[in-house]
């Protein structure tokens, strides 16, 4: 399992210059949550309704202080990044490697 991520701002692929549109990682709770930078708790869990946690249940989850995530452009080049939380809120995204085939 994994979680999906929505970083603030737009990041482009170093290999082709296209927008990185799909981000995911395995350092969070790995419950198919959607995390949005600037928000403490997961914003969604886009799975079958009968398997989805309620917003109240989701609100108890948090990301670790630092976590790895990877993104892909439409050409399927991979970009790796580190997310950092201040307090309980994801507040930074730093690209560490971009344009991997």
PDB file of N, CA and C in Angstrom:
ATOM      1  N   UNK A   1       0.839  -1.172   0.000  1.00  0.00           N
ATOM      2  CA  UNK A   1       0.000   0.000   0.000  1.00  0.00           C
ATOM      3  C   UNK A   1       0.893   1.248   0.000  1.00  0.00           C
ATOM      4  N   UNK A   2       0.285   2.362  -0.297  1.00  0.00           N
ATOM      5  CA  UNK A   2       0.992   3.636  -0.371  1.00  0.00           C
ATOM      6  C   UNK A   2       0.004   4.752  -0.083  1.00  0.00           C
ATOM      7  N   UNK A   3       0.503   5.962  -0.023  1.00  0.00           N
ATOM      8  CA  UNK A   3      -0.318   7.159   0.078  1.00  0.00           C
ATOM      9  C   UNK A   3       0.002   8.050  -1.114  1.00  0.00           C
ATOM     10  N   UNK A   4      -0.927   8.909  -1.488  1.00  0.00           N
ATOM     11  CA  UNK A   4      -0.730   9.888  -2.553  1.00  0.00           C
ATOM     12  C   UNK A   4      -0.482  11.253  -1.926  1.00  0.00           C
ATOM     13  N   UNK A   5       0.238  12.093  -2.655  1.00  0.00           N
ATOM     14  CA  UNK A   5       0.652  13.387  -2.130  1.00  0.00           C
ATOM     15  C   UNK A   5       0.367  14.499  -3.130  1.00  0.00           C
ATOM     16  N   UNK A   6      -0.019  15.663  -2.600  1.00  0.00           N
ATOM     17  CA  UNK A   6      -0.268  16.854  -3.398  1.00  0.00           C
ATOM     18  C   UNK A   6       0.602  17.987  -2.865  1.00  0.00           C
ATOM     19  N   UNK A   7       1.852  18.099  -3.386  1.00  0.00           N
ATOM     20  CA  UNK A   7       2.718  19.178  -2.907  1.00  0.00           C
ATOM     21  C   UNK A   7       2.214  20.547  -3.372  1.00  0.00           C
ATOM     22  N   UNK A   8       2.576  21.566  -2.618  1.00  0.00           N
ATOM     23  CA  UNK A   8       2.271  22.940  -3.037  1.00  0.00           C
ATOM     24  C   UNK A   8       3.172  23.314  -4.199  1.00  0.00           C
ATOM     25  N   UNK A   9       2.669  24.129  -5.058  1.00  0.00           N
ATOM     26  CA  UNK A   9       3.464  24.574  -6.198  1.00  0.00           C
ATOM     27  C   UNK A   9       3.512  23.518  -7.285  1.00  0.00           C
ATOM     28  N   UNK A  10       4.226  23.841  -8.339  1.00  0.00           N
ATOM     29  CA  UNK A  10       4.365  22.914  -9.448  1.00  0.00           C
ATOM     30  C   UNK A  10       5.831  22.544  -9.597  1.00  0.00           C
ATOM     31  N   UNK A  11       6.069  21.279  -9.852  1.00  0.00           N
ATOM     32  CA  UNK A  11       7.414  20.775 -10.058  1.00  0.00           C
ATOM     33  C   UNK A  11       7.493  20.209 -11.467  1.00  0.00           C
ATOM     34  N   UNK A  12       8.606  20.460 -12.131  1.00  0.00           N
ATOM     35  CA  UNK A  12       8.793  19.946 -13.478  1.00  0.00           C
ATOM     36  C   UNK A  12       9.923  18.930 -13.514  1.00  0.00           C
ATOM     37  N   UNK A  13       9.831  18.030 -14.452  1.00  0.00           N
ATOM     38  CA  UNK A  13      10.807  16.961 -14.636  1.00  0.00           C
ATOM     39  C   UNK A  13      12.094  17.534 -15.223  1.00  0.00           C
ATOM     40  N   UNK A  14      13.215  17.168 -14.644  1.00  0.00           N
ATOM     41  CA  UNK A  14      14.507  17.632 -15.143  1.00  0.00           C
ATOM     42  C   UNK A  14      14.851  17.004 -16.486  1.00  0.00           C
ATOM     43  N   UNK A  15      14.301  15.825 -16.785  1.00  0.00           N
ATOM     44  CA  UNK A  15      14.628  15.128 -18.031  1.00  0.00           C
ATOM     45  C   UNK A  15      13.878  15.703 -19.232  1.00  0.00           C
ATOM     46  N   UNK A  16      12.597  16.074 -19.038  1.00  0.00           N
ATOM     47  CA  UNK A  16      11.795  16.487 -20.202  1.00  0.00           C
ATOM     48  C   UNK A  16      11.078  17.821 -20.021  1.00  0.00           C
ATOM     49  N   UNK A  17      11.094  18.368 -18.813  1.00  0.00           N
ATOM     50  CA  UNK A  17      10.461  19.653 -18.566  1.00  0.00           C
ATOM     51  C   UNK A  17       8.959  19.610 -18.359  1.00  0.00           C
ATOM     52  N   UNK A  18       8.375  18.430 -18.400  1.00  0.00           N
ATOM     53  CA  UNK A  18       6.925  18.319 -18.201  1.00  0.00           C
ATOM     54  C   UNK A  18       6.578  18.368 -16.717  1.00  0.00           C
ATOM     55  N   UNK A  19       5.342  18.703 -16.456  1.00  0.00           N
ATOM     56  CA  UNK A  19       4.845  18.799 -15.090  1.00  0.00           C
ATOM     57  C   UNK A  19       4.794  17.424 -14.431  1.00  0.00           C
ATOM     58  N   UNK A  20       5.226  17.355 -13.183  1.00  0.00           N
ATOM     59  CA  UNK A  20       5.115  16.125 -12.400  1.00  0.00           C
ATOM     60  C   UNK A  20       3.712  16.131 -11.800  1.00  0.00           C
ATOM     61  N   UNK A  21       2.922  15.132 -12.139  1.00  0.00           N
ATOM     62  CA  UNK A  21       1.504  15.162 -11.780  1.00  0.00           C
ATOM     63  C   UNK A  21       1.078  14.074 -10.816  1.00  0.00           C
ATOM     64  N   UNK A  22       1.845  13.042 -10.654  1.00  0.00           N
ATOM     65  CA  UNK A  22       1.435  11.917  -9.810  1.00  0.00           C
ATOM     66  C   UNK A  22       2.506  11.680  -8.759  1.00  0.00           C
ATOM     67  N   UNK A  23       2.154  11.889  -7.477  1.00  0.00           N
ATOM     68  CA  UNK A  23       3.096  11.737  -6.378  1.00  0.00           C
ATOM     69  C   UNK A  23       2.597  10.651  -5.436  1.00  0.00           C
ATOM     70  N   UNK A  24       3.499   9.787  -4.988  1.00  0.00           N
ATOM     71  CA  UNK A  24       3.132   8.793  -3.980  1.00  0.00           C
ATOM     72  C   UNK A  24       4.339   8.445  -3.128  1.00  0.00           C
ATOM     73  N   UNK A  25       4.076   7.807  -1.994  1.00  0.00           N
ATOM     74  CA  UNK A  25       5.147   7.415  -1.093  1.00  0.00           C
ATOM     75  C   UNK A  25       4.677   6.376  -0.096  1.00  0.00           C
ATOM     76  N   UNK A  26       5.645   5.789   0.596  1.00  0.00           N
ATOM     77  CA  UNK A  26       5.356   4.712   1.533  1.00  0.00           C
ATOM     78  C   UNK A  26       5.801   5.011   2.957  1.00  0.00           C
ATOM     79  N   UNK A  27       6.142   6.260   3.260  1.00  0.00           N
ATOM     80  CA  UNK A  27       6.567   6.608   4.616  1.00  0.00           C
ATOM     81  C   UNK A  27       5.418   7.048   5.507  1.00  0.00           C
ATOM     82  N   UNK A  28       4.257   7.283   4.933  1.00  0.00           N
ATOM     83  CA  UNK A  28       3.076   7.654   5.715  1.00  0.00           C
ATOM     84  C   UNK A  28       2.370   6.402   6.219  1.00  0.00           C
ATOM     85  N   UNK A  29       1.115   6.519   6.606  1.00  0.00           N
ATOM     86  CA  UNK A  29       0.369   5.375   7.132  1.00  0.00           C
ATOM     87  C   UNK A  29       0.092   4.272   6.089  1.00  0.00           C
ATOM     88  N   UNK A  30       0.259   4.588   4.800  1.00  0.00           N
ATOM     89  CA  UNK A  30       0.031   3.608   3.726  1.00  0.00           C
ATOM     90  C   UNK A  30      -1.394   3.050   3.754  1.00  0.00           C
ATOM     91  N   UNK A  31      -2.354   3.951   3.858  1.00  0.00           N
ATOM     92  CA  UNK A  31      -3.765   3.563   3.899  1.00  0.00           C
ATOM     93  C   UNK A  31      -4.514   4.120   2.688  1.00  0.00           C
ATOM     94  N   UNK A  32      -3.775   4.382   1.605  1.00  0.00           N
ATOM     95  CA  UNK A  32      -4.341   4.970   0.389  1.00  0.00           C
ATOM     96  C   UNK A  32      -4.938   6.346   0.656  1.00  0.00           C
ATOM     97  N   UNK A  33      -4.310   7.076   1.593  1.00  0.00           N
ATOM     98  CA  UNK A  33      -4.718   8.440   1.898  1.00  0.00           C
ATOM     99  C   UNK A  33      -4.198   9.389   0.827  1.00  0.00           C
ATOM    100  N   UNK A  34      -4.806  10.561   0.746  1.00  0.00           N
ATOM    101  CA  UNK A  34      -4.300  11.681  -0.038  1.00  0.00           C
ATOM    102  C   UNK A  34      -3.883  12.757   0.959  1.00  0.00           C
ATOM    103  N   UNK A  35      -2.606  13.155   0.872  1.00  0.00           N
ATOM    104  CA  UNK A  35      -2.058  14.194   1.737  1.00  0.00           C
ATOM    105  C   UNK A  35      -1.845  15.450   0.910  1.00  0.00           C
ATOM    106  N   UNK A  36      -2.208  16.599   1.452  1.00  0.00           N
ATOM    107  CA  UNK A  36      -2.024  17.884   0.773  1.00  0.00           C
ATOM    108  C   UNK A  36      -1.095  18.739   1.621  1.00  0.00           C
ATOM    109  N   UNK A  37      -0.062  19.268   0.978  1.00  0.00           N
ATOM    110  CA  UNK A  37       0.878  20.125   1.701  1.00  0.00           C
ATOM    111  C   UNK A  37       0.123  21.294   2.318  1.00  0.00           C
ATOM    112  N   UNK A  38       0.412  21.561   3.594  1.00  0.00           N
ATOM    113  CA  UNK A  38      -0.234  22.640   4.318  1.00  0.00           C
ATOM    114  C   UNK A  38      -1.410  22.192   5.165  1.00  0.00           C
ATOM    115  N   UNK A  39      -1.768  20.905   5.082  1.00  0.00           N
ATOM    116  CA  UNK A  39      -2.888  20.363   5.853  1.00  0.00           C
ATOM    117  C   UNK A  39      -2.348  19.236   6.730  1.00  0.00           C
ATOM    118  N   UNK A  40      -2.715  19.227   8.004  1.00  0.00           N
ATOM    119  CA  UNK A  40      -2.164  18.249   8.950  1.00  0.00           C
ATOM    120  C   UNK A  40      -2.653  16.828   8.705  1.00  0.00           C
ATOM    121  N   UNK A  41      -3.946  16.652   8.447  1.00  0.00           N
ATOM    122  CA  UNK A  41      -4.509  15.312   8.297  1.00  0.00           C
ATOM    123  C   UNK A  41      -4.749  14.992   6.818  1.00  0.00           C
ATOM    124  N   UNK A  42      -4.934  13.707   6.497  1.00  0.00           N
ATOM    125  CA  UNK A  42      -5.225  13.344   5.109  1.00  0.00           C
ATOM    126  C   UNK A  42      -6.513  14.026   4.643  1.00  0.00           C
ATOM    127  N   UNK A  43      -6.534  14.450   3.380  1.00  0.00           N
ATOM    128  CA  UNK A  43      -7.704  15.151   2.851  1.00  0.00           C
ATOM    129  C   UNK A  43      -8.707  14.217   2.191  1.00  0.00           C
ATOM    130  N   UNK A  44      -8.290  12.988   1.899  1.00  0.00           N
ATOM    131  CA  UNK A  44      -9.193  12.054   1.227  1.00  0.00           C
ATOM    132  C   UNK A  44      -8.635  10.644   1.362  1.00  0.00           C
ATOM    133  N   UNK A  45      -9.452   9.701   0.977  1.00  0.00           N
ATOM    134  CA  UNK A  45      -9.081   8.291   0.884  1.00  0.00           C
ATOM    135  C   UNK A  45      -9.934   7.711  -0.254  1.00  0.00           C
ATOM    136  N   UNK A  46      -9.482   7.901  -1.503  1.00  0.00           N
ATOM    137  CA  UNK A  46     -10.303   7.554  -2.663  1.00  0.00           C
ATOM    138  C   UNK A  46     -10.340   6.046  -2.961  1.00  0.00           C
ATOM    139  N   UNK A  47     -11.066   5.339  -2.118  1.00  0.00           N
ATOM    140  CA  UNK A  47     -11.243   3.904  -2.284  1.00  0.00           C
ATOM    141  C   UNK A  47     -12.739   3.599  -2.172  1.00  0.00           C
ATOM    142  N   UNK A  48     -13.090   2.335  -2.276  1.00  0.00           N
ATOM    143  CA  UNK A  48     -14.494   1.933  -2.187  1.00  0.00           C
ATOM    144  C   UNK A  48     -15.120   2.480  -0.908  1.00  0.00           C
ATOM    145  N   UNK A  49     -16.335   3.029  -1.001  1.00  0.00           N
ATOM    146  CA  UNK A  49     -16.978   3.643   0.178  1.00  0.00           C
ATOM    147  C   UNK A  49     -17.041   2.732   1.393  1.00  0.00           C
ATOM    148  N   UNK A  50     -17.259   1.462   1.196  1.00  0.00           N
ATOM    149  CA  UNK A  50     -17.377   0.555   2.341  1.00  0.00           C
ATOM    150  C   UNK A  50     -16.035   0.317   3.045  1.00  0.00           C
ATOM    151  N   UNK A  51     -14.927   0.663   2.402  1.00  0.00           N
ATOM    152  CA  UNK A  51     -13.600   0.489   2.999  1.00  0.00           C
ATOM    153  C   UNK A  51     -13.004   1.796   3.515  1.00  0.00           C
ATOM    154  N   UNK A  52     -13.602   2.905   3.161  1.00  0.00           N
ATOM    155  CA  UNK A  52     -13.095   4.229   3.494  1.00  0.00           C
ATOM    156  C   UNK A  52     -13.312   4.560   4.968  1.00  0.00           C
ATOM    157  N   UNK A  53     -12.307   5.218   5.573  1.00  0.00           N
ATOM    158  CA  UNK A  53     -12.453   5.712   6.943  1.00  0.00           C
ATOM    159  C   UNK A  53     -13.299   6.983   6.919  1.00  0.00           C
ATOM    160  N   UNK A  54     -13.957   7.250   8.013  1.00  0.00           N
ATOM    161  CA  UNK A  54     -14.714   8.495   8.136  1.00  0.00           C
ATOM    162  C   UNK A  54     -13.724   9.656   8.262  1.00  0.00           C
ATOM    163  N   UNK A  55     -14.159  10.884   7.963  1.00  0.00           N
ATOM    164  CA  UNK A  55     -13.272  12.037   8.166  1.00  0.00           C
ATOM    165  C   UNK A  55     -12.766  12.128   9.607  1.00  0.00           C
ATOM    166  N   UNK A  56     -13.583  11.746  10.564  1.00  0.00           N
ATOM    167  CA  UNK A  56     -13.156  11.779  11.966  1.00  0.00           C
ATOM    168  C   UNK A  56     -12.027  10.781  12.227  1.00  0.00           C
ATOM    169  N   UNK A  57     -12.134   9.594  11.651  1.00  0.00           N
ATOM    170  CA  UNK A  57     -11.074   8.597  11.808  1.00  0.00           C
ATOM    171  C   UNK A  57      -9.792   9.060  11.118  1.00  0.00           C
ATOM    172  N   UNK A  58      -9.909   9.588   9.889  1.00  0.00           N
ATOM    173  CA  UNK A  58      -8.741  10.064   9.138  1.00  0.00           C
ATOM    174  C   UNK A  58      -8.031  11.195   9.866  1.00  0.00           C
ATOM    175  N   UNK A  59      -8.789  12.030  10.563  1.00  0.00           N
ATOM    176  CA  UNK A  59      -8.203  13.212  11.191  1.00  0.00           C
ATOM    177  C   UNK A  59      -7.190  12.872  12.280  1.00  0.00           C
ATOM    178  N   UNK A  60      -7.131  11.624  12.699  1.00  0.00           N
ATOM    179  CA  UNK A  60      -6.189  11.209  13.746  1.00  0.00           C
ATOM    180  C   UNK A  60      -4.801  10.871  13.194  1.00  0.00           C
ATOM    181  N   UNK A  61      -4.673  10.733  11.884  1.00  0.00           N
ATOM    182  CA  UNK A  61      -3.407  10.341  11.269  1.00  0.00           C
ATOM    183  C   UNK A  61      -2.559  11.564  10.954  1.00  0.00           C
ATOM    184  N   UNK A  62      -1.232  11.376  11.029  1.00  0.00           N
ATOM    185  CA  UNK A  62      -0.268  12.419  10.711  1.00  0.00           C
ATOM    186  C   UNK A  62       0.905  11.799   9.965  1.00  0.00           C
ATOM    187  N   UNK A  63       1.606  12.644   9.219  1.00  0.00           N
ATOM    188  CA  UNK A  63       2.832  12.236   8.557  1.00  0.00           C
ATOM    189  C   UNK A  63       3.995  12.292   9.543  1.00  0.00           C
ATOM    190  N   UNK A  64       5.071  11.529   9.279  1.00  0.00           N
ATOM    191  CA  UNK A  64       6.267  11.652  10.126  1.00  0.00           C
ATOM    192  C   UNK A  64       6.957  12.996   9.871  1.00  0.00           C
ATOM    193  N   UNK A  65       7.892  13.399  10.716  1.00  0.00           N
ATOM    194  CA  UNK A  65       8.574  14.690  10.546  1.00  0.00           C
ATOM    195  C   UNK A  65       9.262  14.840   9.185  1.00  0.00           C
ATOM    196  N   UNK A  66       9.762  13.737   8.633  1.00  0.00           N
ATOM    197  CA  UNK A  66      10.412  13.739   7.326  1.00  0.00           C
ATOM    198  C   UNK A  66       9.979  12.464   6.589  1.00  0.00           C
ATOM    199  N   UNK A  67       9.707  12.580   5.299  1.00  0.00           N
ATOM    200  CA  UNK A  67       9.236  11.420   4.546  1.00  0.00           C
ATOM    201  C   UNK A  67       9.655  11.533   3.085  1.00  0.00           C
ATOM    202  N   UNK A  68       9.841  10.382   2.459  1.00  0.00           N
ATOM    203  CA  UNK A  68      10.206  10.316   1.041  1.00  0.00           C
ATOM    204  C   UNK A  68       8.945  10.200   0.201  1.00  0.00           C
ATOM    205  N   UNK A  69       8.972  10.837  -0.971  1.00  0.00           N
ATOM    206  CA  UNK A  69       7.902  10.680  -1.940  1.00  0.00           C
ATOM    207  C   UNK A  69       8.505  10.719  -3.332  1.00  0.00           C
ATOM    208  N   UNK A  70       7.819  10.115  -4.275  1.00  0.00           N
ATOM    209  CA  UNK A  70       8.266  10.082  -5.664  1.00  0.00           C
ATOM    210  C   UNK A  70       7.137  10.556  -6.550  1.00  0.00           C
ATOM    211  N   UNK A  71       7.514  11.253  -7.619  1.00  0.00           N
ATOM    212  CA  UNK A  71       6.532  11.749  -8.574  1.00  0.00           C
ATOM    213  C   UNK A  71       6.917  11.361  -9.985  1.00  0.00           C
ATOM    214  N   UNK A  72       5.919  11.373 -10.869  1.00  0.00           N
ATOM    215  CA  UNK A  72       6.139  11.006 -12.266  1.00  0.00           C
ATOM    216  C   UNK A  72       5.488  12.017 -13.183  1.00  0.00           C
ATOM    217  N   UNK A  73       6.159  12.300 -14.282  1.00  0.00           N
ATOM    218  CA  UNK A  73       5.600  13.136 -15.342  1.00  0.00           C
ATOM    219  C   UNK A  73       4.880  12.217 -16.333  1.00  0.00           C
ATOM    220  N   UNK A  74       4.281  12.789 -17.366  1.00  0.00           N
ATOM    221  CA  UNK A  74       3.541  11.962 -18.333  1.00  0.00           C
ATOM    222  C   UNK A  74       4.460  11.069 -19.169  1.00  0.00           C
ATOM    223  N   UNK A  75       5.755  11.347 -19.170  1.00  0.00           N
ATOM    224  CA  UNK A  75       6.723  10.482 -19.858  1.00  0.00           C
ATOM    225  C   UNK A  75       7.250   9.373 -18.941  1.00  0.00           C
ATOM    226  N   UNK A  76       6.718   9.318 -17.728  1.00  0.00           N
ATOM    227  CA  UNK A  76       7.079   8.314 -16.720  1.00  0.00           C
ATOM    228  C   UNK A  76       8.505   8.440 -16.202  1.00  0.00           C
ATOM    229  N   UNK A  77       9.072   9.652 -16.276  1.00  0.00           N
ATOM    230  CA  UNK A  77      10.336   9.908 -15.597  1.00  0.00           C
ATOM    231  C   UNK A  77      10.029  10.096 -14.118  1.00  0.00           C
ATOM    232  N   UNK A  78      10.861   9.542 -13.284  1.00  0.00           N
ATOM    233  CA  UNK A  78      10.640   9.609 -11.831  1.00  0.00           C
ATOM    234  C   UNK A  78      11.436  10.745 -11.212  1.00  0.00           C
ATOM    235  N   UNK A  79      10.829  11.428 -10.276  1.00  0.00           N
ATOM    236  CA  UNK A  79      11.473  12.461  -9.478  1.00  0.00           C
ATOM    237  C   UNK A  79      11.298  12.092  -8.012  1.00  0.00           C
ATOM    238  N   UNK A  80      12.377  12.105  -7.253  1.00  0.00           N
ATOM    239  CA  UNK A  80      12.318  11.793  -5.825  1.00  0.00           C
ATOM    240  C   UNK A  80      12.437  13.080  -5.021  1.00  0.00           C
ATOM    241  N   UNK A  81      11.714  13.121  -3.920  1.00  0.00           N
ATOM    242  CA  UNK A  81      11.691  14.311  -3.072  1.00  0.00           C
ATOM    243  C   UNK A  81      11.611  13.907  -1.609  1.00  0.00           C
ATOM    244  N   UNK A  82      11.890  14.873  -0.756  1.00  0.00           N
ATOM    245  CA  UNK A  82      11.715  14.719   0.686  1.00  0.00           C
ATOM    246  C   UNK A  82      10.676  15.747   1.122  1.00  0.00           C
ATOM    247  N   UNK A  83       9.691  15.284   1.878  1.00  0.00           N
ATOM    248  CA  UNK A  83       8.722  16.179   2.505  1.00  0.00           C
ATOM    249  C   UNK A  83       9.102  16.358   3.965  1.00  0.00           C
ATOM    250  N   UNK A  84       8.888  17.549   4.469  1.00  0.00           N
ATOM    251  CA  UNK A  84       9.178  17.821   5.880  1.00  0.00           C
ATOM    252  C   UNK A  84       7.968  18.491   6.529  1.00  0.00           C
ATOM    253  N   UNK A  85       7.720  18.066   7.749  1.00  0.00           N
ATOM    254  CA  UNK A  85       6.621  18.635   8.528  1.00  0.00           C
ATOM    255  C   UNK A  85       7.192  19.545   9.613  1.00  0.00           C
ATOM    256  N   UNK A  86       6.506  20.636   9.855  1.00  0.00           N
ATOM    257  CA  UNK A  86       6.776  21.491  11.017  1.00  0.00           C
ATOM    258  C   UNK A  86       5.552  21.362  11.892  1.00  0.00           C
ATOM    259  N   UNK A  87       5.769  20.929  13.129  1.00  0.00           N
ATOM    260  CA  UNK A  87       4.627  20.546  13.948  1.00  0.00           C
ATOM    261  C   UNK A  87       4.026  19.316  13.294  1.00  0.00           C
ATOM    262  N   UNK A  88       2.767  19.317  13.073  1.00  0.00           N
ATOM    263  CA  UNK A  88       2.111  18.191  12.414  1.00  0.00           C
ATOM    264  C   UNK A  88       1.774  18.466  10.951  1.00  0.00           C
ATOM    265  N   UNK A  89       2.238  19.585  10.421  1.00  0.00           N
ATOM    266  CA  UNK A  89       1.804  20.005   9.083  1.00  0.00           C
ATOM    267  C   UNK A  89       2.942  19.872   8.078  1.00  0.00           C
ATOM    268  N   UNK A  90       2.656  19.200   6.959  1.00  0.00           N
ATOM    269  CA  UNK A  90       3.616  19.103   5.854  1.00  0.00           C
ATOM    270  C   UNK A  90       3.824  20.509   5.312  1.00  0.00           C
ATOM    271  N   UNK A  91       5.062  20.995   5.396  1.00  0.00           N
ATOM    272  CA  UNK A  91       5.317  22.385   5.028  1.00  0.00           C
ATOM    273  C   UNK A  91       6.428  22.586   4.003  1.00  0.00           C
ATOM    274  N   UNK A  92       7.219  21.564   3.714  1.00  0.00           N
ATOM    275  CA  UNK A  92       8.311  21.700   2.741  1.00  0.00           C
ATOM    276  C   UNK A  92       8.369  20.479   1.841  1.00  0.00           C
ATOM    277  N   UNK A  93       8.710  20.717   0.581  1.00  0.00           N
ATOM    278  CA  UNK A  93       8.994  19.634  -0.362  1.00  0.00           C
ATOM    279  C   UNK A  93      10.285  19.995  -1.080  1.00  0.00           C
ATOM    280  N   UNK A  94      11.267  19.123  -0.984  1.00  0.00           N
ATOM    281  CA  UNK A  94      12.570  19.371  -1.604  1.00  0.00           C
ATOM    282  C   UNK A  94      12.875  18.254  -2.599  1.00  0.00           C
ATOM    283  N   UNK A  95      13.123  18.636  -3.841  1.00  0.00           N
ATOM    284  CA  UNK A  95      13.515  17.668  -4.864  1.00  0.00           C
ATOM    285  C   UNK A  95      14.934  17.222  -4.572  1.00  0.00           C
ATOM    286  N   UNK A  96      15.154  15.887  -4.596  1.00  0.00           N
ATOM    287  CA  UNK A  96      16.513  15.393  -4.359  1.00  0.00           C
ATOM    288  C   UNK A  96      17.106  14.714  -5.587  1.00  0.00           C
ATOM    289  N   UNK A  97      16.241  14.237  -6.497  1.00  0.00           N
ATOM    290  CA  UNK A  97      16.723  13.586  -7.708  1.00  0.00           C
ATOM    291  C   UNK A  97      15.602  13.653  -8.731  1.00  0.00           C
ATOM    292  N   UNK A  98      15.901  14.159  -9.926  1.00  0.00           N
ATOM    293  CA  UNK A  98      14.836  14.330 -10.916  1.00  0.00           C
ATOM    294  C   UNK A  98      15.240  13.776 -12.269  1.00  0.00           C
ATOM    295  N   UNK A  99      14.243  13.226 -12.962  1.00  0.00           N
ATOM    296  CA  UNK A  99      14.434  12.779 -14.333  1.00  0.00           C
ATOM    297  C   UNK A  99      14.968  11.365 -14.468  1.00  0.00           C
ATOM    298  N   UNK A 100      14.751  10.520 -13.480  1.00  0.00           N
ATOM    299  CA  UNK A 100      15.223   9.143 -13.531  1.00  0.00           C
ATOM    300  C   UNK A 100      14.331   8.366 -14.504  1.00  0.00           C
ATOM    301  N   UNK A 101      14.950   7.610 -15.373  1.00  0.00           N
ATOM    302  CA  UNK A 101      14.163   6.774 -16.306  1.00  0.00           C
ATOM    303  C   UNK A 101      13.821   5.466 -15.679  1.00  0.00           C
TER     304      UNK A 101
END
